[in-house]
Protein backbone atom coordinates (compact mmCIF):
# COMPACT_ATOMS: atom_id res chain seq x y z
CA MET A 1 -6.28 -13.49 14.00
CA ARG A 2 -8.09 -14.78 10.99
CA LEU A 3 -9.41 -12.28 8.44
CA SER A 4 -12.28 -12.93 6.11
CA LEU A 5 -11.91 -11.45 2.65
CA GLN A 6 -15.58 -11.87 1.96
CA ASN A 7 -17.10 -9.84 4.82
CA SER A 8 -14.99 -6.68 4.68
CA LYS A 9 -12.42 -4.87 2.66
CA PHE A 10 -8.89 -6.13 3.32
CA LYS A 11 -6.58 -3.09 3.69
CA ILE A 12 -3.20 -3.48 2.04
CA GLY A 13 -0.48 -0.93 2.74
CA ILE A 14 2.14 -0.09 0.16
CA LEU A 15 5.43 1.63 1.06
CA GLY A 16 6.22 3.98 -1.82
CA GLY A 17 4.07 5.14 -4.63
CA GLY A 18 6.08 4.03 -7.67
CA GLN A 19 5.27 1.80 -10.62
CA LEU A 20 5.39 -1.47 -8.72
CA GLY A 21 2.81 -0.20 -6.26
CA TRP A 22 0.75 1.10 -9.17
CA MET A 23 0.75 -2.33 -10.81
CA LEU A 24 -0.13 -4.04 -7.55
CA ILE A 25 -3.12 -1.77 -7.05
CA LEU A 26 -4.20 -2.08 -10.66
CA GLU A 27 -4.37 -5.92 -10.42
CA GLY A 28 -5.58 -5.90 -6.79
CA LYS A 29 -8.67 -3.79 -7.65
CA LYS A 30 -10.16 -7.01 -9.10
CA PHE A 31 -10.56 -8.21 -5.53
CA PRO A 32 -12.28 -6.76 -2.44
CA PHE A 33 -9.13 -4.95 -1.25
CA GLU A 34 -8.43 -1.37 -0.30
CA PHE A 35 -4.99 0.05 -0.99
CA TYR A 36 -3.24 2.55 1.24
CA VAL A 37 0.01 4.19 0.10
CA LEU A 38 2.75 5.75 2.24
CA GLU A 39 4.54 8.20 -0.02
CA LYS A 40 5.93 11.77 0.14
CA ASP A 41 4.64 12.74 -3.33
CA LYS A 42 0.82 12.49 -3.60
CA GLU A 43 1.21 12.68 -7.41
CA ALA A 44 3.23 9.40 -7.51
CA PRO A 45 1.67 6.72 -9.78
CA ALA A 46 0.34 4.43 -7.04
CA CYS A 47 -1.15 7.36 -5.14
CA LYS A 48 -3.43 8.12 -8.07
CA LEU A 49 -5.07 4.71 -7.79
CA ALA A 50 -4.90 4.28 -3.98
CA ASP A 51 -7.97 4.41 -1.76
CA LYS A 52 -6.01 6.44 0.78
CA PHE A 53 -2.71 8.36 0.77
CA PHE A 54 -0.49 8.87 3.81
CA SER A 55 2.50 11.15 4.04
CA PRO A 56 5.63 9.87 5.79
CA GLU A 57 4.76 11.94 8.87
CA ASP A 58 1.58 9.85 9.22
CA TYR A 59 3.39 6.47 9.24
CA LYS A 60 1.91 5.46 12.58
CA ARG A 61 -1.65 6.00 11.37
CA PHE A 62 -0.79 4.20 8.16
CA VAL A 63 0.45 1.09 10.02
CA ASP A 64 -2.55 1.11 12.38
CA GLU A 65 -5.05 1.25 9.53
CA CYS A 66 -3.51 -1.46 7.34
CA ASP A 67 -4.14 -5.15 7.75
CA VAL A 68 -0.88 -6.03 6.00
CA VAL A 69 2.12 -4.14 4.62
CA PRO A 70 4.15 -6.35 2.22
CA LEU A 71 7.80 -5.45 1.68
CA SER A 72 9.66 -5.61 -1.62
CA LEU A 73 13.34 -6.44 -1.49
CA SER A 74 13.86 -3.96 -4.31
CA MET A 75 13.23 -1.19 -1.79
CA PHE A 76 16.46 -1.90 0.05
CA GLN A 77 19.94 -1.08 -1.19
CA THR A 78 22.54 -3.74 -0.92
CA THR A 79 26.30 -3.37 -0.98
CA HIS A 80 28.70 -6.03 -2.12
C-alpha cells in the first residue's frame, strides 16, 4: 500500500507519552501528520500535544487507527 502525504493526514502512533514523544510531535506538527498516543496518564507531556489519546485498554483501536507506529529501542530494557 502506498500512502500519499499530500492528500490526507498521515496518522502516526506513539507508544508512551513521555518527552521523546512530545519532541516528536512538536517537530512533526510542521507536516500534515496527526499524532495518536497510547499512554496510561492523559497528563503525560506527549498527550498534551497529541491529536488523540488512547488508554492501554484501547490498544486495538489505537493500532487500527494508526498508519504507522514507530518503536524506540529505549523503550525496552536490556540485561547484560
